[in-house]
Amino acid sequence: MSALPNQAIQELYLNCHGELEAVLFSRLRCRETAADICQEAFVRLCRAEDLSGVGNLKAYLFRTAMNLMFDHYRSQAVRETSTVHWHDDSPPDAEDLRCAETVALGEQELDRLVAALETLSPLCQRIFYLNRFEGLKQREIAEALNISIRTVEDNIKRALVHCANTLAQN
């Protein structure tokens, strides 16, 4: 059971549940999935063994939810790409097998990229996510996060270089 007292979890739930679900919905565009992921993030927070090293529980909760959302996207992509329909009982041909191998290699590369991005600072991750996944312009990110455009530019560059270096390592 979590090292957090129930009171702290209840307060976090009351203060952050609606905001977290809204953030998830803005990205997923599905209320049910957003609610499920939000609930799972709180469940994981409750089940965490030791949270004494966590300085900001709200940030920890939101990071957990974002990771769950990325896992959801990843598993959804795997389900969509791994569903192959053969019209008869014949085995897959070599081209189908190469396609499956390409998908598997792509998934491995995606996992490496996600792991690489997780080593960046939370600010750099946030800026990169807003730019690349939400499609926000650098000025919009700077205004939303109350930082300079130069900081946004530097962090996007840092994330891109980091990703390129990660992919270059074989």
N, C-alpha and C. Protein backbone atom coordinates (compact mmCIF):
# COMPACT_ATOMS: atom_id res chain seq x y z
N MET A 1 0.84 -1.18 0.00
CA MET A 1 0.00 0.00 0.00
C MET A 1 0.88 1.24 0.00
N SER A 2 0.38 2.33 -0.46
CA SER A 2 1.12 3.57 -0.61
C SER A 2 1.55 4.14 0.73
N ALA A 3 2.72 4.80 0.73
CA ALA A 3 3.21 5.45 1.93
C ALA A 3 2.47 6.76 2.19
N LEU A 4 1.63 7.16 1.27
CA LEU A 4 0.86 8.39 1.43
C LEU A 4 -0.36 8.14 2.31
N PRO A 5 -0.64 9.08 3.20
CA PRO A 5 -1.89 8.92 3.97
C PRO A 5 -3.10 9.11 3.05
N ASN A 6 -4.19 8.45 3.41
CA ASN A 6 -5.41 8.54 2.60
C ASN A 6 -5.86 9.98 2.42
N GLN A 7 -5.65 10.80 3.42
CA GLN A 7 -6.05 12.21 3.36
C GLN A 7 -5.35 12.93 2.19
N ALA A 8 -4.05 12.69 2.03
CA ALA A 8 -3.28 13.33 0.95
C ALA A 8 -3.79 12.88 -0.42
N ILE A 9 -4.10 11.62 -0.55
CA ILE A 9 -4.60 11.09 -1.82
C ILE A 9 -5.98 11.66 -2.11
N GLN A 10 -6.83 11.74 -1.08
CA GLN A 10 -8.17 12.30 -1.27
C GLN A 10 -8.09 13.76 -1.69
N GLU A 11 -7.21 14.52 -1.06
CA GLU A 11 -7.05 15.93 -1.43
C GLU A 11 -6.55 16.07 -2.86
N LEU A 12 -5.57 15.24 -3.21
CA LEU A 12 -5.04 15.27 -4.57
C LEU A 12 -6.15 14.92 -5.56
N TYR A 13 -6.95 13.93 -5.24
CA TYR A 13 -8.05 13.54 -6.11
C TYR A 13 -9.04 14.69 -6.28
N LEU A 14 -9.44 15.30 -5.17
CA LEU A 14 -10.41 16.39 -5.23
C LEU A 14 -9.86 17.59 -6.00
N ASN A 15 -8.58 17.88 -5.83
CA ASN A 15 -7.98 19.05 -6.46
C ASN A 15 -7.58 18.84 -7.92
N CYS A 16 -7.29 17.59 -8.30
CA CYS A 16 -6.69 17.36 -9.62
C CYS A 16 -7.49 16.47 -10.56
N HIS A 17 -8.45 15.74 -10.05
CA HIS A 17 -9.15 14.77 -10.89
C HIS A 17 -9.76 15.41 -12.13
N GLY A 18 -10.51 16.49 -11.95
CA GLY A 18 -11.17 17.13 -13.09
C GLY A 18 -10.18 17.68 -14.09
N GLU A 19 -9.12 18.31 -13.58
CA GLU A 19 -8.09 18.88 -14.46
C GLU A 19 -7.38 17.79 -15.25
N LEU A 20 -7.00 16.71 -14.55
CA LEU A 20 -6.30 15.61 -15.23
C LEU A 20 -7.18 14.97 -16.29
N GLU A 21 -8.43 14.74 -15.97
CA GLU A 21 -9.34 14.13 -16.94
C GLU A 21 -9.53 15.06 -18.15
N ALA A 22 -9.59 16.37 -17.91
CA ALA A 22 -9.75 17.33 -19.01
C ALA A 22 -8.50 17.33 -19.91
N VAL A 23 -7.33 17.27 -19.30
CA VAL A 23 -6.08 17.23 -20.08
C VAL A 23 -6.05 15.97 -20.93
N LEU A 24 -6.40 14.85 -20.33
CA LEU A 24 -6.40 13.59 -21.08
C LEU A 24 -7.43 13.62 -22.21
N PHE A 25 -8.62 14.17 -21.92
CA PHE A 25 -9.65 14.25 -22.95
C PHE A 25 -9.19 15.13 -24.12
N SER A 26 -8.48 16.22 -23.81
CA SER A 26 -8.02 17.11 -24.88
C SER A 26 -7.07 16.41 -25.84
N ARG A 27 -6.39 15.39 -25.35
CA ARG A 27 -5.45 14.66 -26.19
C ARG A 27 -6.07 13.41 -26.83
N LEU A 28 -6.94 12.75 -26.08
CA LEU A 28 -7.52 11.49 -26.55
C LEU A 28 -8.81 11.66 -27.34
N ARG A 29 -9.57 12.70 -27.04
CA ARG A 29 -10.86 12.97 -27.67
C ARG A 29 -11.86 11.84 -27.41
N CYS A 30 -11.71 11.20 -26.26
CA CYS A 30 -12.65 10.15 -25.86
C CYS A 30 -12.80 10.24 -24.35
N ARG A 31 -13.99 10.61 -23.90
CA ARG A 31 -14.23 10.81 -22.46
C ARG A 31 -14.03 9.52 -21.66
N GLU A 32 -14.49 8.40 -22.20
CA GLU A 32 -14.39 7.15 -21.48
C GLU A 32 -12.93 6.73 -21.29
N THR A 33 -12.15 6.84 -22.34
CA THR A 33 -10.74 6.48 -22.25
C THR A 33 -10.00 7.43 -21.32
N ALA A 34 -10.32 8.72 -21.41
CA ALA A 34 -9.71 9.70 -20.52
C ALA A 34 -10.03 9.37 -19.07
N ALA A 35 -11.28 9.03 -18.80
CA ALA A 35 -11.69 8.69 -17.43
C ALA A 35 -10.99 7.42 -16.96
N ASP A 36 -10.87 6.43 -17.83
CA ASP A 36 -10.20 5.18 -17.46
C ASP A 36 -8.73 5.42 -17.13
N ILE A 37 -8.05 6.19 -17.96
CA ILE A 37 -6.63 6.45 -17.74
C ILE A 37 -6.44 7.29 -16.48
N CYS A 38 -7.31 8.26 -16.27
CA CYS A 38 -7.25 9.08 -15.06
C CYS A 38 -7.40 8.19 -13.82
N GLN A 39 -8.38 7.31 -13.84
CA GLN A 39 -8.61 6.42 -12.72
C GLN A 39 -7.39 5.51 -12.51
N GLU A 40 -6.84 4.98 -13.57
CA GLU A 40 -5.68 4.09 -13.46
C GLU A 40 -4.48 4.83 -12.88
N ALA A 41 -4.31 6.10 -13.24
CA ALA A 41 -3.20 6.89 -12.69
C ALA A 41 -3.34 7.03 -11.18
N PHE A 42 -4.55 7.28 -10.72
CA PHE A 42 -4.78 7.37 -9.27
C PHE A 42 -4.59 6.02 -8.59
N VAL A 43 -5.02 4.96 -9.24
CA VAL A 43 -4.83 3.62 -8.67
C VAL A 43 -3.35 3.33 -8.52
N ARG A 44 -2.56 3.67 -9.53
CA ARG A 44 -1.12 3.43 -9.45
C ARG A 44 -0.47 4.28 -8.36
N LEU A 45 -0.97 5.49 -8.20
CA LEU A 45 -0.47 6.35 -7.13
C LEU A 45 -0.77 5.70 -5.77
N CYS A 46 -1.96 5.18 -5.62
CA CYS A 46 -2.34 4.53 -4.35
C CYS A 46 -1.52 3.27 -4.09
N ARG A 47 -1.17 2.55 -5.13
CA ARG A 47 -0.43 1.30 -4.98
C ARG A 47 1.08 1.47 -4.90
N ALA A 48 1.56 2.68 -5.14
CA ALA A 48 3.01 2.91 -5.15
C ALA A 48 3.59 2.56 -3.78
N GLU A 49 4.71 1.89 -3.80
CA GLU A 49 5.34 1.44 -2.56
C GLU A 49 5.92 2.60 -1.75
N ASP A 50 6.72 3.45 -2.39
CA ASP A 50 7.39 4.51 -1.65
C ASP A 50 7.39 5.78 -2.49
N LEU A 51 6.66 6.76 -2.02
CA LEU A 51 6.58 8.04 -2.72
C LEU A 51 7.30 9.14 -1.92
N SER A 52 8.11 8.74 -0.97
CA SER A 52 8.77 9.73 -0.12
C SER A 52 9.74 10.61 -0.91
N GLY A 53 10.28 10.09 -2.00
CA GLY A 53 11.21 10.86 -2.82
C GLY A 53 10.54 11.76 -3.84
N VAL A 54 9.22 11.70 -3.91
CA VAL A 54 8.49 12.51 -4.88
C VAL A 54 8.23 13.88 -4.28
N GLY A 55 8.77 14.91 -4.92
CA GLY A 55 8.60 16.26 -4.42
C GLY A 55 7.26 16.88 -4.78
N ASN A 56 6.75 16.57 -5.96
CA ASN A 56 5.52 17.17 -6.43
C ASN A 56 4.57 16.05 -6.86
N LEU A 57 3.64 15.72 -5.99
CA LEU A 57 2.73 14.60 -6.28
C LEU A 57 1.85 14.86 -7.48
N LYS A 58 1.44 16.11 -7.67
CA LYS A 58 0.59 16.43 -8.82
C LYS A 58 1.36 16.16 -10.11
N ALA A 59 2.60 16.61 -10.17
CA ALA A 59 3.42 16.37 -11.36
C ALA A 59 3.64 14.87 -11.57
N TYR A 60 3.86 14.15 -10.48
CA TYR A 60 4.05 12.70 -10.55
C TYR A 60 2.78 12.04 -11.10
N LEU A 61 1.63 12.47 -10.60
CA LEU A 61 0.35 11.93 -11.06
C LEU A 61 0.15 12.20 -12.55
N PHE A 62 0.42 13.44 -12.97
CA PHE A 62 0.23 13.79 -14.38
C PHE A 62 1.21 13.03 -15.27
N ARG A 63 2.46 12.85 -14.82
CA ARG A 63 3.43 12.09 -15.61
C ARG A 63 2.97 10.64 -15.72
N THR A 64 2.46 10.09 -14.63
CA THR A 64 1.94 8.72 -14.67
C THR A 64 0.80 8.62 -15.68
N ALA A 65 -0.10 9.58 -15.67
CA ALA A 65 -1.23 9.58 -16.61
C ALA A 65 -0.74 9.71 -18.05
N MET A 66 0.25 10.57 -18.29
CA MET A 66 0.77 10.73 -19.66
C MET A 66 1.43 9.43 -20.13
N ASN A 67 2.16 8.78 -19.23
CA ASN A 67 2.77 7.50 -19.60
C ASN A 67 1.70 6.46 -19.92
N LEU A 68 0.64 6.45 -19.14
CA LEU A 68 -0.46 5.53 -19.42
C LEU A 68 -1.12 5.85 -20.77
N MET A 69 -1.23 7.13 -21.07
CA MET A 69 -1.80 7.54 -22.35
C MET A 69 -0.91 7.07 -23.51
N PHE A 70 0.42 7.25 -23.35
CA PHE A 70 1.33 6.80 -24.40
C PHE A 70 1.26 5.28 -24.54
N ASP A 71 1.14 4.56 -23.42
CA ASP A 71 0.97 3.11 -23.48
C ASP A 71 -0.31 2.75 -24.23
N HIS A 72 -1.37 3.50 -23.97
CA HIS A 72 -2.64 3.28 -24.65
C HIS A 72 -2.47 3.46 -26.16
N TYR A 73 -1.82 4.56 -26.57
CA TYR A 73 -1.58 4.79 -28.00
C TYR A 73 -0.75 3.67 -28.60
N ARG A 74 0.29 3.26 -27.88
CA ARG A 74 1.19 2.23 -28.38
C ARG A 74 0.44 0.92 -28.55
N SER A 75 -0.34 0.51 -27.55
CA SER A 75 -1.05 -0.75 -27.66
C SER A 75 -2.15 -0.68 -28.72
N GLN A 76 -2.76 0.49 -28.88
CA GLN A 76 -3.77 0.67 -29.92
C GLN A 76 -3.12 0.53 -31.30
N ALA A 77 -1.94 1.12 -31.46
CA ALA A 77 -1.24 1.02 -32.75
C ALA A 77 -0.84 -0.42 -33.03
N VAL A 78 -0.41 -1.13 -32.00
CA VAL A 78 -0.03 -2.54 -32.19
C VAL A 78 -1.25 -3.36 -32.59
N ARG A 79 -2.38 -3.12 -31.92
CA ARG A 79 -3.60 -3.86 -32.26
C ARG A 79 -4.00 -3.60 -33.71
N GLU A 80 -3.92 -2.33 -34.12
CA GLU A 80 -4.34 -1.98 -35.47
C GLU A 80 -3.42 -2.56 -36.52
N THR A 81 -2.10 -2.56 -36.24
CA THR A 81 -1.16 -3.05 -37.25
C THR A 81 -1.01 -4.56 -37.22
N SER A 82 -1.34 -5.18 -36.10
CA SER A 82 -1.14 -6.63 -36.02
C SER A 82 -2.36 -7.42 -36.47
N THR A 83 -3.44 -6.75 -36.75
CA THR A 83 -4.64 -7.44 -37.21
C THR A 83 -4.52 -7.66 -38.71
N VAL A 84 -4.30 -8.89 -39.07
CA VAL A 84 -4.16 -9.25 -40.48
C VAL A 84 -5.29 -10.22 -40.80
N HIS A 85 -5.98 -9.95 -41.87
CA HIS A 85 -7.09 -10.80 -42.27
C HIS A 85 -6.73 -11.54 -43.56
N TRP A 86 -6.65 -12.85 -43.45
CA TRP A 86 -6.45 -13.66 -44.64
C TRP A 86 -7.81 -14.20 -45.05
N HIS A 87 -8.03 -14.19 -46.33
CA HIS A 87 -9.33 -14.61 -46.83
C HIS A 87 -9.45 -16.13 -46.95
N ASP A 88 -8.35 -16.80 -46.78
CA ASP A 88 -8.40 -18.26 -46.78
C ASP A 88 -7.44 -18.76 -45.71
N ASP A 89 -7.22 -20.03 -45.66
CA ASP A 89 -6.36 -20.61 -44.62
C ASP A 89 -4.90 -20.68 -45.03
N SER A 90 -4.54 -20.01 -46.11
CA SER A 90 -3.16 -20.06 -46.57
C SER A 90 -2.25 -19.27 -45.63
N PRO A 91 -1.01 -19.72 -45.46
CA PRO A 91 -0.09 -19.00 -44.58
C PRO A 91 0.31 -17.66 -45.19
N PRO A 92 0.81 -16.76 -44.38
CA PRO A 92 1.22 -15.46 -44.91
C PRO A 92 2.41 -15.62 -45.85
N ASP A 93 2.47 -14.77 -46.86
CA ASP A 93 3.60 -14.85 -47.77
C ASP A 93 4.77 -14.02 -47.21
N ALA A 94 5.88 -14.06 -47.91
CA ALA A 94 7.10 -13.40 -47.44
C ALA A 94 6.89 -11.90 -47.26
N GLU A 95 6.10 -11.29 -48.12
CA GLU A 95 5.86 -9.85 -48.01
C GLU A 95 5.13 -9.50 -46.71
N ASP A 96 4.15 -10.32 -46.33
CA ASP A 96 3.44 -10.11 -45.06
C ASP A 96 4.38 -10.24 -43.88
N LEU A 97 5.28 -11.23 -43.95
CA LEU A 97 6.23 -11.44 -42.86
C LEU A 97 7.19 -10.26 -42.75
N ARG A 98 7.64 -9.73 -43.89
CA ARG A 98 8.53 -8.55 -43.86
C ARG A 98 7.81 -7.37 -43.25
N CYS A 99 6.51 -7.24 -43.55
CA CYS A 99 5.73 -6.15 -43.00
C CYS A 99 5.66 -6.28 -41.47
N ALA A 100 5.43 -7.49 -40.98
CA ALA A 100 5.38 -7.71 -39.54
C ALA A 100 6.73 -7.41 -38.89
N GLU A 101 7.80 -7.79 -39.57
CA GLU A 101 9.14 -7.50 -39.05
C GLU A 101 9.38 -6.00 -39.02
N THR A 102 8.95 -5.29 -40.03
CA THR A 102 9.09 -3.84 -40.07
C THR A 102 8.31 -3.19 -38.93
N VAL A 103 7.12 -3.68 -38.67
CA VAL A 103 6.32 -3.15 -37.57
C VAL A 103 7.04 -3.38 -36.24
N ALA A 104 7.56 -4.58 -36.05
CA ALA A 104 8.26 -4.91 -34.81
C ALA A 104 9.49 -4.02 -34.63
N LEU A 105 10.24 -3.82 -35.70
CA LEU A 105 11.42 -2.96 -35.62
C LEU A 105 11.01 -1.51 -35.34
N GLY A 106 9.92 -1.08 -35.94
CA GLY A 106 9.43 0.27 -35.69
C GLY A 106 9.00 0.45 -34.25
N GLU A 107 8.37 -0.57 -33.69
CA GLU A 107 7.96 -0.51 -32.29
C GLU A 107 9.17 -0.44 -31.36
N GLN A 108 10.22 -1.20 -31.70
CA GLN A 108 11.44 -1.14 -30.89
C GLN A 108 12.06 0.25 -30.95
N GLU A 109 12.08 0.82 -32.14
CA GLU A 109 12.63 2.16 -32.30
C GLU A 109 11.80 3.19 -31.54
N LEU A 110 10.49 3.05 -31.58
CA LEU A 110 9.60 3.94 -30.84
C LEU A 110 9.86 3.82 -29.34
N ASP A 111 10.03 2.60 -28.85
CA ASP A 111 10.33 2.41 -27.44
C ASP A 111 11.65 3.08 -27.06
N ARG A 112 12.64 2.98 -27.93
CA ARG A 112 13.93 3.65 -27.67
C ARG A 112 13.76 5.15 -27.63
N LEU A 113 12.93 5.69 -28.54
CA LEU A 113 12.70 7.14 -28.54
C LEU A 113 11.97 7.60 -27.29
N VAL A 114 10.96 6.86 -26.89
CA VAL A 114 10.21 7.22 -25.67
C VAL A 114 11.14 7.19 -24.47
N ALA A 115 11.97 6.15 -24.38
CA ALA A 115 12.93 6.05 -23.27
C ALA A 115 13.92 7.21 -23.31
N ALA A 116 14.35 7.58 -24.49
CA ALA A 116 15.29 8.71 -24.62
C ALA A 116 14.62 10.01 -24.19
N LEU A 117 13.39 10.21 -24.60
CA LEU A 117 12.67 11.44 -24.21
C LEU A 117 12.46 11.51 -22.70
N GLU A 118 12.28 10.36 -22.07
CA GLU A 118 12.06 10.35 -20.63
C GLU A 118 13.30 10.75 -19.85
N THR A 119 14.47 10.73 -20.49
CA THR A 119 15.68 11.15 -19.79
C THR A 119 15.86 12.67 -19.84
N LEU A 120 15.06 13.34 -20.65
CA LEU A 120 15.14 14.80 -20.72
C LEU A 120 14.42 15.42 -19.53
N SER A 121 14.69 16.68 -19.29
CA SER A 121 14.03 17.38 -18.18
C SER A 121 12.52 17.45 -18.43
N PRO A 122 11.73 17.54 -17.37
CA PRO A 122 10.28 17.64 -17.56
C PRO A 122 9.88 18.83 -18.45
N LEU A 123 10.56 19.95 -18.31
CA LEU A 123 10.25 21.12 -19.14
C LEU A 123 10.53 20.80 -20.61
N CYS A 124 11.66 20.19 -20.88
CA CYS A 124 12.02 19.85 -22.26
C CYS A 124 11.00 18.86 -22.84
N GLN A 125 10.61 17.86 -22.05
CA GLN A 125 9.60 16.90 -22.50
C GLN A 125 8.29 17.61 -22.83
N ARG A 126 7.88 18.49 -21.95
CA ARG A 126 6.60 19.20 -22.12
C ARG A 126 6.63 20.05 -23.39
N ILE A 127 7.71 20.80 -23.58
CA ILE A 127 7.85 21.65 -24.76
C ILE A 127 7.82 20.81 -26.04
N PHE A 128 8.58 19.73 -26.04
CA PHE A 128 8.65 18.86 -27.21
C PHE A 128 7.26 18.26 -27.50
N TYR A 129 6.58 17.80 -26.45
CA TYR A 129 5.25 17.22 -26.63
C TYR A 129 4.29 18.26 -27.21
N LEU A 130 4.28 19.46 -26.64
CA LEU A 130 3.37 20.50 -27.13
C LEU A 130 3.65 20.83 -28.59
N ASN A 131 4.91 20.85 -28.95
CA ASN A 131 5.28 21.20 -30.32
C ASN A 131 5.00 20.08 -31.30
N ARG A 132 5.46 18.89 -30.98
CA ARG A 132 5.39 17.78 -31.95
C ARG A 132 4.07 17.02 -31.95
N PHE A 133 3.43 16.92 -30.78
CA PHE A 133 2.21 16.11 -30.70
C PHE A 133 0.95 16.96 -30.66
N GLU A 134 1.04 18.12 -30.06
CA GLU A 134 -0.12 19.02 -30.00
C GLU A 134 -0.13 20.03 -31.15
N GLY A 135 1.02 20.17 -31.82
CA GLY A 135 1.11 21.06 -32.96
C GLY A 135 1.16 22.55 -32.63
N LEU A 136 1.51 22.86 -31.39
CA LEU A 136 1.60 24.28 -31.02
C LEU A 136 2.85 24.91 -31.60
N LYS A 137 2.75 26.16 -31.96
CA LYS A 137 3.88 26.91 -32.46
C LYS A 137 4.74 27.35 -31.27
N GLN A 138 5.97 27.69 -31.55
CA GLN A 138 6.91 28.05 -30.49
C GLN A 138 6.41 29.23 -29.67
N ARG A 139 5.84 30.21 -30.32
CA ARG A 139 5.32 31.39 -29.60
C ARG A 139 4.18 30.98 -28.67
N GLU A 140 3.31 30.09 -29.15
CA GLU A 140 2.19 29.62 -28.33
C GLU A 140 2.67 28.87 -27.09
N ILE A 141 3.70 28.06 -27.28
CA ILE A 141 4.27 27.31 -26.16
C ILE A 141 4.88 28.27 -25.15
N ALA A 142 5.63 29.25 -25.65
CA ALA A 142 6.26 30.23 -24.76
C ALA A 142 5.21 30.97 -23.93
N GLU A 143 4.13 31.36 -24.57
CA GLU A 143 3.07 32.06 -23.86
C GLU A 143 2.36 31.15 -22.86
N ALA A 144 2.10 29.92 -23.26
CA ALA A 144 1.39 28.99 -22.39
C ALA A 144 2.20 28.63 -21.15
N LEU A 145 3.51 28.50 -21.31
CA LEU A 145 4.36 28.09 -20.20
C LEU A 145 5.04 29.29 -19.51
N ASN A 146 4.77 30.49 -20.06
CA ASN A 146 5.34 31.71 -19.49
C ASN A 146 6.87 31.66 -19.47
N ILE A 147 7.43 31.31 -20.62
CA ILE A 147 8.88 31.26 -20.80
C ILE A 147 9.22 31.97 -22.10
N SER A 148 10.52 32.19 -22.33
CA SER A 148 10.93 32.89 -23.55
C SER A 148 10.88 31.96 -24.76
N ILE A 149 10.75 32.57 -25.92
CA ILE A 149 10.77 31.79 -27.16
C ILE A 149 12.12 31.11 -27.32
N ARG A 150 13.18 31.77 -26.89
CA ARG A 150 14.53 31.21 -26.97
C ARG A 150 14.61 29.89 -26.16
N THR A 151 13.99 29.88 -24.98
CA THR A 151 13.97 28.67 -24.15
C THR A 151 13.23 27.55 -24.88
N VAL A 152 12.13 27.90 -25.53
CA VAL A 152 11.36 26.92 -26.29
C VAL A 152 12.23 26.37 -27.43
N GLU A 153 12.86 27.26 -28.17
CA GLU A 153 13.71 26.84 -29.30
C GLU A 153 14.84 25.93 -28.83
N ASP A 154 15.52 26.33 -27.75
CA ASP A 154 16.64 25.53 -27.23
C ASP A 154 16.19 24.14 -26.80
N ASN A 155 15.03 24.06 -26.15
CA ASN A 155 14.55 22.76 -25.67
C ASN A 155 14.08 21.86 -26.81
N ILE A 156 13.47 22.44 -27.83
CA ILE A 156 13.08 21.64 -29.00
C ILE A 156 14.33 21.10 -29.69
N LYS A 157 15.32 21.96 -29.84
CA LYS A 157 16.58 21.54 -30.45
C LYS A 157 17.24 20.44 -29.63
N ARG A 158 17.27 20.61 -28.31
CA ARG A 158 17.87 19.63 -27.42
C ARG A 158 17.16 18.27 -27.58
N ALA A 159 15.84 18.29 -27.62
CA ALA A 159 15.07 17.04 -27.75
C ALA A 159 15.32 16.38 -29.10
N LEU A 160 15.34 17.17 -30.17
CA LEU A 160 15.57 16.60 -31.51
C LEU A 160 16.97 16.01 -31.64
N VAL A 161 17.97 16.71 -31.13
CA VAL A 161 19.34 16.19 -31.17
C VAL A 161 19.44 14.92 -30.35
N HIS A 162 18.81 14.92 -29.19
CA HIS A 162 18.83 13.74 -28.33
C HIS A 162 18.18 12.56 -29.03
N CYS A 163 17.05 12.79 -29.69
CA CYS A 163 16.37 11.71 -30.43
C CYS A 163 17.23 11.21 -31.59
N ALA A 164 17.84 12.14 -32.32
CA ALA A 164 18.68 11.75 -33.45
C ALA A 164 19.88 10.92 -32.96
N ASN A 165 20.49 11.34 -31.86
CA ASN A 165 21.63 10.60 -31.33
C ASN A 165 21.20 9.21 -30.85
N THR A 166 20.03 9.12 -30.27
CA THR A 166 19.52 7.83 -29.80
C THR A 166 19.30 6.89 -30.97
N LEU A 167 18.71 7.38 -32.05
CA LEU A 167 18.46 6.55 -33.22
C LEU A 167 19.76 6.17 -33.94
N ALA A 168 20.75 7.04 -33.84
CA ALA A 168 22.02 6.77 -34.52
C ALA A 168 22.78 5.65 -33.82
N GLN A 169 22.51 5.42 -32.55
CA GLN A 169 23.18 4.34 -31.80
C GLN A 169 22.55 3.02 -32.17
N ASN A 170 23.34 2.11 -32.64
CA ASN A 170 22.80 0.80 -33.03
C ASN A 170 23.18 -0.23 -32.05
